[in-house]
Amino acid sequence: MENMGNEENMVGANISFYNDKGEKIGEVAVTGTNFGNKSQTFEAVGTGDFRNYSTVQLHIGAVNYRVLGGGHGK
């Protein structure tokens, strides 16, 4: 990332939260068009009750409007 410009990029992703039984208990969409090569904080609101999550899965579905193949877990 050292030689990358500080351009703005589109990202479409979601974060899924699972309990200790592997059941999905919530999800947050993370979508934006102003992601660059510098770290930044963001805030997102999701559905479900995340207080008792055991595992989290990040799925990136698109980058710069290019849909990534494979679906969840691929």
N, C-alpha and C. Protein backbone atom coordinates (compact mmCIF):
# COMPACT_ATOMS: atom_id res chain seq x y z
N MET A 1 0.83 -1.19 0.00
CA MET A 1 0.00 0.00 0.00
C MET A 1 0.87 1.25 0.00
N GLU A 2 2.14 1.05 0.10
CA GLU A 2 3.06 2.16 0.18
C GLU A 2 3.03 3.04 -1.05
N ASN A 3 2.91 2.45 -2.25
CA ASN A 3 2.95 3.21 -3.49
C ASN A 3 1.57 3.54 -4.04
N MET A 4 0.53 3.24 -3.28
CA MET A 4 -0.83 3.53 -3.73
C MET A 4 -1.15 5.00 -3.51
N GLY A 5 -1.93 5.55 -4.42
CA GLY A 5 -2.40 6.91 -4.23
C GLY A 5 -3.48 6.96 -3.17
N ASN A 6 -3.79 8.12 -2.72
CA ASN A 6 -4.82 8.28 -1.69
C ASN A 6 -6.18 8.48 -2.35
N GLU A 7 -6.54 7.60 -3.25
CA GLU A 7 -7.80 7.69 -3.96
C GLU A 7 -8.94 7.13 -3.12
N GLU A 8 -10.15 7.41 -3.53
CA GLU A 8 -11.30 6.89 -2.83
C GLU A 8 -11.78 5.63 -3.53
N ASN A 9 -12.13 4.62 -2.74
CA ASN A 9 -12.54 3.33 -3.26
C ASN A 9 -13.89 2.92 -2.68
N MET A 10 -14.64 2.16 -3.46
CA MET A 10 -15.92 1.64 -3.01
C MET A 10 -15.71 0.24 -2.42
N VAL A 11 -16.37 -0.03 -1.30
CA VAL A 11 -16.36 -1.35 -0.68
C VAL A 11 -17.79 -1.69 -0.28
N GLY A 12 -18.20 -2.90 -0.57
CA GLY A 12 -19.50 -3.42 -0.13
C GLY A 12 -19.26 -4.70 0.64
N ALA A 13 -19.61 -4.72 1.90
CA ALA A 13 -19.33 -5.87 2.75
C ALA A 13 -20.41 -6.02 3.81
N ASN A 14 -20.37 -7.15 4.50
CA ASN A 14 -21.22 -7.30 5.68
C ASN A 14 -20.46 -8.09 6.75
N ILE A 15 -20.84 -7.84 7.96
CA ILE A 15 -20.25 -8.53 9.12
C ILE A 15 -21.37 -9.31 9.78
N SER A 16 -21.20 -10.63 9.89
CA SER A 16 -22.21 -11.49 10.51
C SER A 16 -21.73 -11.95 11.88
N PHE A 17 -22.64 -11.95 12.84
CA PHE A 17 -22.34 -12.34 14.21
C PHE A 17 -23.05 -13.66 14.52
N TYR A 18 -22.33 -14.60 15.16
CA TYR A 18 -22.87 -15.92 15.47
C TYR A 18 -22.73 -16.22 16.95
N ASN A 19 -23.69 -16.97 17.49
CA ASN A 19 -23.60 -17.38 18.89
C ASN A 19 -22.73 -18.63 19.00
N ASP A 20 -22.60 -19.17 20.21
CA ASP A 20 -21.73 -20.33 20.42
C ASP A 20 -22.28 -21.62 19.82
N LYS A 21 -23.52 -21.59 19.31
CA LYS A 21 -24.10 -22.75 18.61
C LYS A 21 -23.95 -22.63 17.10
N GLY A 22 -23.30 -21.55 16.64
CA GLY A 22 -23.13 -21.33 15.21
C GLY A 22 -24.34 -20.70 14.53
N GLU A 23 -25.30 -20.24 15.32
CA GLU A 23 -26.50 -19.62 14.77
C GLU A 23 -26.26 -18.12 14.57
N LYS A 24 -26.67 -17.61 13.42
CA LYS A 24 -26.51 -16.19 13.13
C LYS A 24 -27.45 -15.39 14.03
N ILE A 25 -26.89 -14.42 14.74
CA ILE A 25 -27.70 -13.61 15.65
C ILE A 25 -27.76 -12.15 15.24
N GLY A 26 -27.03 -11.77 14.21
CA GLY A 26 -27.08 -10.39 13.75
C GLY A 26 -26.17 -10.15 12.57
N GLU A 27 -26.38 -8.98 11.95
CA GLU A 27 -25.61 -8.64 10.76
C GLU A 27 -25.51 -7.13 10.62
N VAL A 28 -24.37 -6.68 10.11
CA VAL A 28 -24.14 -5.25 9.87
C VAL A 28 -23.65 -5.10 8.43
N ALA A 29 -24.26 -4.19 7.68
CA ALA A 29 -23.78 -3.86 6.33
C ALA A 29 -22.72 -2.78 6.44
N VAL A 30 -21.64 -2.96 5.70
CA VAL A 30 -20.56 -1.96 5.65
C VAL A 30 -20.37 -1.63 4.18
N THR A 31 -20.87 -0.47 3.78
CA THR A 31 -20.80 -0.05 2.39
C THR A 31 -20.42 1.42 2.35
N GLY A 32 -19.50 1.74 1.45
CA GLY A 32 -19.11 3.13 1.31
C GLY A 32 -18.26 3.35 0.08
N THR A 33 -18.07 4.61 -0.25
CA THR A 33 -17.31 4.97 -1.45
C THR A 33 -16.10 5.83 -1.12
N ASN A 34 -15.76 5.97 0.14
CA ASN A 34 -14.65 6.85 0.49
C ASN A 34 -13.56 6.13 1.28
N PHE A 35 -13.33 4.84 0.96
CA PHE A 35 -12.27 4.09 1.62
C PHE A 35 -10.98 4.28 0.82
N GLY A 36 -9.93 4.69 1.49
CA GLY A 36 -8.63 4.88 0.83
C GLY A 36 -7.61 3.93 1.38
N ASN A 37 -6.34 4.28 1.25
CA ASN A 37 -5.28 3.41 1.73
C ASN A 37 -4.82 3.75 3.14
N LYS A 38 -5.52 4.65 3.79
CA LYS A 38 -5.22 5.01 5.18
C LYS A 38 -6.27 4.40 6.10
N SER A 39 -5.85 4.04 7.29
CA SER A 39 -6.80 3.51 8.28
C SER A 39 -7.80 4.58 8.65
N GLN A 40 -9.04 4.18 8.86
CA GLN A 40 -10.07 5.11 9.29
C GLN A 40 -11.10 4.38 10.12
N THR A 41 -11.73 5.10 10.99
CA THR A 41 -12.78 4.51 11.80
C THR A 41 -14.12 4.79 11.12
N PHE A 42 -15.09 3.96 11.42
CA PHE A 42 -16.44 4.16 10.91
C PHE A 42 -17.42 3.56 11.90
N GLU A 43 -18.65 3.94 11.76
CA GLU A 43 -19.71 3.43 12.63
C GLU A 43 -20.80 2.86 11.75
N ALA A 44 -21.31 1.70 12.12
CA ALA A 44 -22.38 1.06 11.36
C ALA A 44 -23.42 0.52 12.32
N VAL A 45 -24.65 0.50 11.89
CA VAL A 45 -25.76 -0.01 12.69
C VAL A 45 -26.29 -1.26 12.00
N GLY A 46 -26.53 -2.30 12.78
CA GLY A 46 -27.01 -3.55 12.21
C GLY A 46 -28.29 -4.03 12.85
N THR A 47 -28.70 -5.21 12.45
CA THR A 47 -29.89 -5.83 13.00
C THR A 47 -29.49 -7.01 13.87
N GLY A 48 -30.23 -7.23 14.93
CA GLY A 48 -29.96 -8.36 15.82
C GLY A 48 -29.43 -7.90 17.17
N ASP A 49 -29.18 -8.85 18.04
CA ASP A 49 -28.65 -8.60 19.39
C ASP A 49 -27.24 -9.18 19.44
N PHE A 50 -26.24 -8.31 19.39
CA PHE A 50 -24.84 -8.72 19.28
C PHE A 50 -24.17 -8.99 20.62
N ARG A 51 -24.85 -8.77 21.71
CA ARG A 51 -24.20 -8.84 23.02
C ARG A 51 -23.60 -10.20 23.35
N ASN A 52 -24.16 -11.27 22.85
CA ASN A 52 -23.68 -12.61 23.19
C ASN A 52 -23.05 -13.34 22.00
N TYR A 53 -22.33 -12.58 21.17
CA TYR A 53 -21.74 -13.24 20.01
C TYR A 53 -20.51 -14.06 20.43
N SER A 54 -20.25 -15.09 19.66
CA SER A 54 -19.10 -15.96 19.89
C SER A 54 -18.07 -15.82 18.77
N THR A 55 -18.56 -15.72 17.52
CA THR A 55 -17.68 -15.54 16.37
C THR A 55 -18.25 -14.47 15.43
N VAL A 56 -17.36 -13.93 14.62
CA VAL A 56 -17.72 -12.89 13.65
C VAL A 56 -17.15 -13.28 12.30
N GLN A 57 -17.91 -13.05 11.23
CA GLN A 57 -17.42 -13.31 9.89
C GLN A 57 -17.58 -12.06 9.05
N LEU A 58 -16.49 -11.64 8.39
CA LEU A 58 -16.50 -10.51 7.47
C LEU A 58 -16.57 -11.05 6.06
N HIS A 59 -17.55 -10.60 5.29
CA HIS A 59 -17.69 -11.01 3.89
C HIS A 59 -17.61 -9.75 3.03
N ILE A 60 -16.61 -9.68 2.16
CA ILE A 60 -16.48 -8.55 1.23
C ILE A 60 -17.09 -8.98 -0.09
N GLY A 61 -18.15 -8.32 -0.49
CA GLY A 61 -18.89 -8.70 -1.69
C GLY A 61 -18.52 -7.93 -2.94
N ALA A 62 -17.99 -6.71 -2.77
CA ALA A 62 -17.63 -5.90 -3.93
C ALA A 62 -16.55 -4.90 -3.57
N VAL A 63 -15.68 -4.65 -4.53
CA VAL A 63 -14.65 -3.62 -4.40
C VAL A 63 -14.64 -2.82 -5.69
N ASN A 64 -14.78 -1.50 -5.55
CA ASN A 64 -14.83 -0.60 -6.70
C ASN A 64 -15.85 -1.08 -7.74
N TYR A 65 -17.04 -1.45 -7.23
CA TYR A 65 -18.20 -1.88 -8.01
C TYR A 65 -17.98 -3.18 -8.77
N ARG A 66 -16.91 -3.88 -8.46
CA ARG A 66 -16.65 -5.20 -9.06
C ARG A 66 -17.08 -6.25 -8.05
N VAL A 67 -18.06 -7.04 -8.39
CA VAL A 67 -18.59 -8.06 -7.50
C VAL A 67 -17.57 -9.19 -7.41
N LEU A 68 -17.25 -9.60 -6.17
CA LEU A 68 -16.32 -10.68 -5.94
C LEU A 68 -17.08 -12.00 -5.92
N GLY A 69 -16.56 -13.03 -6.53
CA GLY A 69 -17.26 -14.31 -6.67
C GLY A 69 -17.15 -15.17 -5.44
N GLY A 70 -17.95 -16.23 -5.43
CA GLY A 70 -17.82 -17.24 -4.41
C GLY A 70 -18.85 -17.20 -3.31
N GLY A 71 -19.37 -16.07 -2.95
CA GLY A 71 -20.33 -16.01 -1.85
C GLY A 71 -19.68 -16.21 -0.49
N HIS A 72 -20.49 -16.38 0.52
CA HIS A 72 -20.01 -16.53 1.89
C HIS A 72 -19.09 -17.74 2.01
N GLY A 73 -17.95 -17.54 2.65
CA GLY A 73 -17.04 -18.62 2.95
C GLY A 73 -16.23 -19.14 1.78
N LYS A 74 -16.27 -18.45 0.65
CA LYS A 74 -15.52 -18.91 -0.53
C LYS A 74 -14.59 -17.82 -1.02
